[in-house]
N, C-alpha and C. Protein backbone atom coordinates (compact mmCIF):
# COMPACT_ATOMS: atom_id res chain seq x y z
N MET A 1 76.53 -92.22 26.07
CA MET A 1 77.68 -91.52 25.54
C MET A 1 77.27 -90.21 24.85
N PHE A 2 76.33 -90.29 23.93
CA PHE A 2 75.86 -89.11 23.22
C PHE A 2 74.52 -88.70 23.81
N SER A 3 74.27 -87.41 23.88
CA SER A 3 72.99 -86.95 24.41
C SER A 3 72.58 -85.68 23.68
N LEU A 4 71.29 -85.50 23.56
CA LEU A 4 70.74 -84.26 23.02
C LEU A 4 70.58 -83.31 24.20
N ARG A 5 71.43 -82.31 24.26
CA ARG A 5 71.52 -81.46 25.44
C ARG A 5 70.30 -80.55 25.63
N ASP A 6 69.55 -80.27 24.59
CA ASP A 6 68.44 -79.32 24.71
C ASP A 6 67.09 -79.98 24.94
N THR A 7 67.06 -81.28 25.24
CA THR A 7 65.77 -81.91 25.50
C THR A 7 65.24 -81.45 26.85
N GLU A 8 63.99 -81.77 27.09
CA GLU A 8 63.35 -81.33 28.33
C GLU A 8 63.81 -82.11 29.55
N LEU A 9 64.60 -83.17 29.35
CA LEU A 9 65.12 -83.91 30.49
C LEU A 9 66.25 -83.17 31.18
N PHE A 10 66.90 -82.26 30.46
CA PHE A 10 67.97 -81.45 31.03
C PHE A 10 67.39 -80.12 31.48
N THR A 11 68.11 -79.43 32.32
CA THR A 11 67.65 -78.13 32.80
C THR A 11 67.59 -77.16 31.63
N LEU A 12 66.44 -76.58 31.43
CA LEU A 12 66.26 -75.61 30.35
C LEU A 12 66.11 -74.22 30.92
N LYS A 13 66.44 -73.25 30.12
CA LYS A 13 66.20 -71.87 30.52
C LYS A 13 64.69 -71.64 30.54
N PRO A 14 64.23 -70.75 31.39
CA PRO A 14 62.77 -70.51 31.47
C PRO A 14 62.16 -70.08 30.14
N ASN A 15 62.93 -69.42 29.29
CA ASN A 15 62.38 -68.95 28.02
C ASN A 15 62.71 -69.89 26.86
N SER A 16 63.05 -71.14 27.16
CA SER A 16 63.41 -72.11 26.12
C SER A 16 62.20 -72.40 25.22
N PRO A 17 62.41 -72.45 23.90
CA PRO A 17 61.32 -72.75 22.98
C PRO A 17 61.04 -74.24 22.83
N VAL A 18 61.89 -75.11 23.41
CA VAL A 18 61.78 -76.56 23.19
C VAL A 18 60.41 -77.12 23.58
N PRO A 19 59.86 -76.83 24.77
CA PRO A 19 58.54 -77.38 25.10
C PRO A 19 57.44 -76.92 24.14
N LYS A 20 57.48 -75.65 23.74
CA LYS A 20 56.45 -75.15 22.82
C LYS A 20 56.55 -75.81 21.46
N LEU A 21 57.80 -76.02 20.99
CA LEU A 21 57.99 -76.69 19.70
C LEU A 21 57.46 -78.12 19.75
N ARG A 22 57.70 -78.83 20.86
CA ARG A 22 57.20 -80.19 21.02
C ARG A 22 55.67 -80.20 21.04
N GLU A 23 55.07 -79.25 21.74
CA GLU A 23 53.61 -79.18 21.82
C GLU A 23 52.99 -78.94 20.44
N GLU A 24 53.65 -78.14 19.61
CA GLU A 24 53.15 -77.91 18.25
C GLU A 24 53.15 -79.21 17.44
N VAL A 25 54.18 -80.01 17.60
CA VAL A 25 54.25 -81.30 16.90
C VAL A 25 53.17 -82.23 17.42
N GLU A 26 52.93 -82.22 18.73
CA GLU A 26 51.88 -83.07 19.31
C GLU A 26 50.51 -82.72 18.73
N LYS A 27 50.26 -81.43 18.48
CA LYS A 27 48.99 -81.02 17.86
C LYS A 27 48.86 -81.57 16.45
N VAL A 28 49.96 -81.54 15.69
CA VAL A 28 49.94 -82.03 14.30
C VAL A 28 49.78 -83.55 14.27
N VAL A 29 50.56 -84.25 15.11
CA VAL A 29 50.58 -85.71 15.10
C VAL A 29 49.36 -86.28 15.80
N GLY A 30 48.88 -85.61 16.83
CA GLY A 30 47.72 -86.09 17.57
C GLY A 30 48.06 -87.07 18.68
N SER A 31 49.32 -87.14 19.09
CA SER A 31 49.70 -88.01 20.20
C SER A 31 50.87 -87.38 20.95
N ASN A 32 51.17 -87.95 22.11
CA ASN A 32 52.25 -87.42 22.94
C ASN A 32 53.62 -87.73 22.32
N ILE A 33 54.54 -86.78 22.45
CA ILE A 33 55.92 -86.94 21.97
C ILE A 33 56.81 -87.07 23.20
N PRO A 34 57.69 -88.07 23.24
CA PRO A 34 58.57 -88.22 24.40
C PRO A 34 59.44 -86.98 24.63
N ARG A 35 59.64 -86.65 25.89
CA ARG A 35 60.41 -85.45 26.24
C ARG A 35 61.92 -85.64 26.10
N PHE A 36 62.37 -86.88 25.86
CA PHE A 36 63.81 -87.10 25.66
C PHE A 36 64.20 -86.93 24.20
N THR A 37 63.26 -86.50 23.36
CA THR A 37 63.55 -86.22 21.96
C THR A 37 63.44 -84.73 21.72
N LEU A 38 64.02 -84.27 20.64
CA LEU A 38 63.82 -82.90 20.19
C LEU A 38 62.87 -82.97 19.01
N SER A 39 61.69 -82.46 19.19
CA SER A 39 60.67 -82.53 18.14
C SER A 39 60.22 -81.12 17.80
N MET A 40 60.23 -80.82 16.50
CA MET A 40 59.81 -79.49 16.07
C MET A 40 59.40 -79.53 14.62
N VAL A 41 58.51 -78.65 14.25
CA VAL A 41 58.13 -78.46 12.87
C VAL A 41 58.84 -77.20 12.39
N LEU A 42 59.71 -77.35 11.41
CA LEU A 42 60.44 -76.21 10.88
C LEU A 42 59.68 -75.61 9.71
N GLN A 43 59.52 -74.32 9.76
CA GLN A 43 58.89 -73.60 8.66
C GLN A 43 59.92 -73.38 7.55
N PRO A 44 59.49 -73.08 6.32
CA PRO A 44 60.46 -72.83 5.25
C PRO A 44 61.47 -71.77 5.64
N LYS A 45 62.73 -72.05 5.35
CA LYS A 45 63.89 -71.19 5.62
C LYS A 45 64.15 -70.98 7.11
N MET A 46 63.49 -71.73 7.96
CA MET A 46 63.72 -71.65 9.40
C MET A 46 64.96 -72.47 9.75
N LYS A 47 65.79 -71.96 10.65
CA LYS A 47 66.99 -72.65 11.07
C LYS A 47 66.88 -72.99 12.55
N THR A 48 67.56 -74.06 12.93
CA THR A 48 67.63 -74.42 14.34
C THR A 48 69.01 -74.98 14.62
N ARG A 49 69.45 -74.87 15.85
CA ARG A 49 70.74 -75.39 16.28
C ARG A 49 70.49 -76.45 17.33
N ILE A 50 71.15 -77.58 17.19
CA ILE A 50 70.99 -78.68 18.13
C ILE A 50 72.33 -78.97 18.78
N ARG A 51 72.37 -78.97 20.10
CA ARG A 51 73.60 -79.29 20.82
C ARG A 51 73.62 -80.77 21.15
N ILE A 52 74.72 -81.43 20.81
CA ILE A 52 74.87 -82.84 21.10
C ILE A 52 76.01 -82.99 22.09
N GLY A 53 75.74 -83.66 23.19
CA GLY A 53 76.77 -83.88 24.21
C GLY A 53 77.45 -85.22 23.99
N PHE A 54 78.71 -85.30 24.39
CA PHE A 54 79.47 -86.55 24.29
C PHE A 54 80.28 -86.68 25.57
N LEU A 55 79.93 -87.65 26.39
CA LEU A 55 80.60 -87.84 27.68
C LEU A 55 81.11 -89.28 27.77
N PRO A 56 82.26 -89.55 27.16
CA PRO A 56 82.77 -90.93 27.18
C PRO A 56 83.33 -91.29 28.55
N THR A 57 83.32 -92.58 28.85
CA THR A 57 83.91 -93.07 30.09
C THR A 57 85.18 -93.86 29.82
N ASP A 58 85.57 -93.98 28.56
CA ASP A 58 86.77 -94.72 28.19
C ASP A 58 87.37 -94.12 26.92
N TYR A 59 88.39 -94.79 26.39
CA TYR A 59 89.11 -94.27 25.22
C TYR A 59 88.65 -94.91 23.91
N ASP A 60 87.63 -95.74 23.96
CA ASP A 60 87.18 -96.45 22.76
C ASP A 60 86.43 -95.52 21.82
N LEU A 61 86.36 -95.94 20.55
CA LEU A 61 85.58 -95.22 19.55
C LEU A 61 84.12 -95.61 19.73
N HIS A 62 83.25 -94.61 19.81
CA HIS A 62 81.82 -94.86 20.00
C HIS A 62 81.05 -94.25 18.84
N SER A 63 79.90 -94.83 18.55
CA SER A 63 79.06 -94.29 17.49
C SER A 63 77.61 -94.33 17.95
N SER A 64 76.83 -93.47 17.34
CA SER A 64 75.41 -93.43 17.61
C SER A 64 74.72 -92.95 16.34
N LEU A 65 73.43 -93.05 16.31
CA LEU A 65 72.68 -92.66 15.14
C LEU A 65 71.68 -91.57 15.51
N LEU A 66 71.79 -90.44 14.84
CA LEU A 66 70.85 -89.34 15.01
C LEU A 66 69.87 -89.44 13.84
N ILE A 67 68.61 -89.58 14.14
CA ILE A 67 67.60 -89.73 13.09
C ILE A 67 66.81 -88.44 12.98
N ILE A 68 66.82 -87.88 11.78
CA ILE A 68 66.06 -86.67 11.49
C ILE A 68 64.92 -87.06 10.58
N ARG A 69 63.71 -86.74 11.01
CA ARG A 69 62.54 -87.07 10.22
C ARG A 69 62.03 -85.80 9.55
N ASN A 70 61.96 -85.81 8.25
CA ASN A 70 61.61 -84.64 7.46
C ASN A 70 60.18 -84.77 6.95
N ASN A 71 59.34 -83.80 7.28
CA ASN A 71 57.94 -83.77 6.85
C ASN A 71 57.17 -85.04 7.21
N LEU A 72 57.63 -85.72 8.23
CA LEU A 72 57.00 -86.95 8.71
C LEU A 72 56.97 -88.05 7.66
N THR A 73 57.78 -87.92 6.63
CA THR A 73 57.80 -88.95 5.58
C THR A 73 59.20 -89.48 5.31
N VAL A 74 60.17 -88.63 5.31
CA VAL A 74 61.53 -89.03 4.95
C VAL A 74 62.39 -89.07 6.20
N ILE A 75 63.14 -90.15 6.37
CA ILE A 75 64.04 -90.27 7.51
C ILE A 75 65.47 -90.08 7.02
N GLU A 76 66.19 -89.18 7.68
CA GLU A 76 67.58 -88.86 7.34
C GLU A 76 68.48 -89.31 8.49
N PRO A 77 69.24 -90.40 8.32
CA PRO A 77 70.14 -90.83 9.40
C PRO A 77 71.47 -90.08 9.36
N VAL A 78 71.97 -89.70 10.52
CA VAL A 78 73.27 -89.05 10.64
C VAL A 78 74.07 -89.87 11.65
N VAL A 79 75.20 -90.41 11.22
CA VAL A 79 76.02 -91.22 12.11
C VAL A 79 76.96 -90.29 12.89
N LEU A 80 77.00 -90.46 14.20
CA LEU A 80 77.86 -89.67 15.07
C LEU A 80 78.99 -90.57 15.57
N TYR A 81 80.21 -90.07 15.50
CA TYR A 81 81.36 -90.79 16.00
C TYR A 81 82.07 -89.95 17.06
N GLY A 82 82.61 -90.59 18.06
CA GLY A 82 83.39 -89.89 19.06
C GLY A 82 84.33 -90.84 19.76
N GLN A 83 85.48 -90.33 20.15
CA GLN A 83 86.45 -91.14 20.87
C GLN A 83 86.85 -90.39 22.13
N GLY A 84 86.85 -91.10 23.23
CA GLY A 84 87.19 -90.49 24.51
C GLY A 84 88.66 -90.18 24.61
N ALA A 85 88.99 -89.19 25.42
CA ALA A 85 90.36 -88.80 25.66
C ALA A 85 90.44 -88.18 27.05
N ARG A 86 91.62 -88.20 27.60
CA ARG A 86 91.84 -87.57 28.89
C ARG A 86 93.19 -86.86 28.84
N ILE A 87 93.22 -85.66 29.29
CA ILE A 87 94.46 -84.91 29.33
C ILE A 87 95.05 -85.09 30.72
N ASP A 88 96.28 -85.52 30.76
CA ASP A 88 96.92 -85.76 32.04
C ASP A 88 98.42 -85.50 31.88
N VAL A 89 99.02 -84.96 32.90
CA VAL A 89 100.45 -84.68 32.90
C VAL A 89 101.07 -85.41 34.09
N LYS A 90 102.16 -86.12 33.81
CA LYS A 90 102.88 -86.80 34.89
C LYS A 90 104.28 -86.21 34.99
N VAL A 91 104.66 -85.85 36.19
CA VAL A 91 106.01 -85.37 36.47
C VAL A 91 106.50 -86.15 37.68
N GLU A 92 107.62 -86.89 37.49
CA GLU A 92 108.19 -87.72 38.55
C GLU A 92 107.15 -88.64 39.17
N ASN A 93 106.40 -89.32 38.30
CA ASN A 93 105.36 -90.28 38.69
C ASN A 93 104.23 -89.68 39.52
N LYS A 94 104.05 -88.39 39.48
CA LYS A 94 102.93 -87.74 40.16
C LYS A 94 102.03 -87.16 39.09
N THR A 95 100.74 -87.46 39.18
CA THR A 95 99.81 -86.92 38.21
C THR A 95 99.26 -85.59 38.69
N THR A 96 98.78 -84.81 37.75
CA THR A 96 98.20 -83.52 38.12
C THR A 96 96.90 -83.70 38.88
N ARG A 97 96.29 -84.86 38.75
CA ARG A 97 95.05 -85.09 39.49
C ARG A 97 95.33 -85.39 40.96
N ALA A 98 96.50 -85.95 41.26
CA ALA A 98 96.84 -86.30 42.64
C ALA A 98 97.11 -85.06 43.48
N GLU A 99 97.85 -84.14 42.92
CA GLU A 99 98.15 -82.90 43.64
C GLU A 99 98.47 -81.81 42.62
N PRO A 100 98.24 -80.55 42.98
CA PRO A 100 98.53 -79.47 42.04
C PRO A 100 100.01 -79.42 41.68
N SER A 101 100.29 -79.10 40.43
CA SER A 101 101.68 -78.99 39.98
C SER A 101 102.05 -77.52 39.85
N LEU A 102 103.12 -77.14 40.51
CA LEU A 102 103.63 -75.78 40.42
C LEU A 102 105.03 -75.85 39.81
N PHE A 103 105.27 -75.03 38.81
CA PHE A 103 106.55 -75.01 38.13
C PHE A 103 107.15 -73.61 38.25
N ASP A 104 108.43 -73.57 38.55
CA ASP A 104 109.16 -72.31 38.60
C ASP A 104 110.07 -72.28 37.38
N ILE A 105 109.60 -71.67 36.31
CA ILE A 105 110.34 -71.64 35.05
C ILE A 105 111.17 -70.37 35.00
N GLN A 106 112.48 -70.57 34.91
CA GLN A 106 113.43 -69.47 34.86
C GLN A 106 113.86 -69.24 33.40
N PRO A 107 114.37 -68.05 33.09
CA PRO A 107 114.84 -67.78 31.72
C PRO A 107 115.88 -68.79 31.24
N ILE A 108 116.68 -69.32 32.14
CA ILE A 108 117.70 -70.30 31.74
C ILE A 108 117.07 -71.59 31.20
N HIS A 109 115.87 -71.91 31.68
CA HIS A 109 115.17 -73.11 31.21
C HIS A 109 114.68 -72.94 29.77
N LEU A 110 114.53 -71.72 29.36
CA LEU A 110 113.99 -71.44 28.03
C LEU A 110 115.06 -71.06 27.01
N LYS A 111 116.34 -71.13 27.40
CA LYS A 111 117.40 -70.65 26.51
C LYS A 111 117.49 -71.47 25.23
N ASP A 112 117.11 -72.75 25.26
CA ASP A 112 117.18 -73.59 24.07
C ASP A 112 115.94 -73.48 23.19
N CYS A 113 114.96 -72.75 23.62
CA CYS A 113 113.75 -72.58 22.82
C CYS A 113 114.03 -71.60 21.69
N PHE A 114 113.58 -71.94 20.52
CA PHE A 114 113.81 -71.07 19.37
C PHE A 114 112.51 -70.94 18.59
N ASN A 115 112.13 -69.72 18.31
CA ASN A 115 110.95 -69.45 17.51
C ASN A 115 111.35 -68.43 16.45
N PRO A 116 111.47 -68.84 15.18
CA PRO A 116 111.92 -67.91 14.15
C PRO A 116 110.97 -66.74 13.93
N LYS A 117 109.72 -66.87 14.34
CA LYS A 117 108.76 -65.78 14.15
C LYS A 117 108.86 -64.74 15.25
N ARG A 118 109.53 -65.09 16.34
CA ARG A 118 109.67 -64.17 17.46
C ARG A 118 110.71 -63.11 17.12
N LYS A 119 110.38 -61.89 17.40
CA LYS A 119 111.31 -60.79 17.15
C LYS A 119 112.06 -60.48 18.43
N PHE A 120 113.36 -60.41 18.29
CA PHE A 120 114.18 -60.10 19.46
C PHE A 120 114.32 -58.58 19.57
N ILE A 121 114.15 -58.09 20.77
CA ILE A 121 114.31 -56.66 21.03
C ILE A 121 115.54 -56.50 21.90
N ASN A 122 116.53 -55.79 21.41
CA ASN A 122 117.77 -55.58 22.16
C ASN A 122 117.78 -54.20 22.76
């Protein structure tokens, strides 16, 4: 359901810093780091952005745990929650996924619409 989008298992840009950051951690730790993780040593005042993907297959509430390890001593857990949804429109028992929907909206169809913020130009 949840995935770290910038890991080396996904297609990375050729100039991605992720492999180099992982290799730096491997030098410090002295062992191999799995490529399905994001591993990096952050210098003081250094910032990083992590993309998290969420691809649900149903409408249930899902959770996962993102573990951030600080200075190889402190573990910071972050709970992730997500709920699946699907946008769908049905008109006369036909879904938009079954066939494209084309609507011919005339001014008469909009005569009952009222927006007080809209300015009328006569």
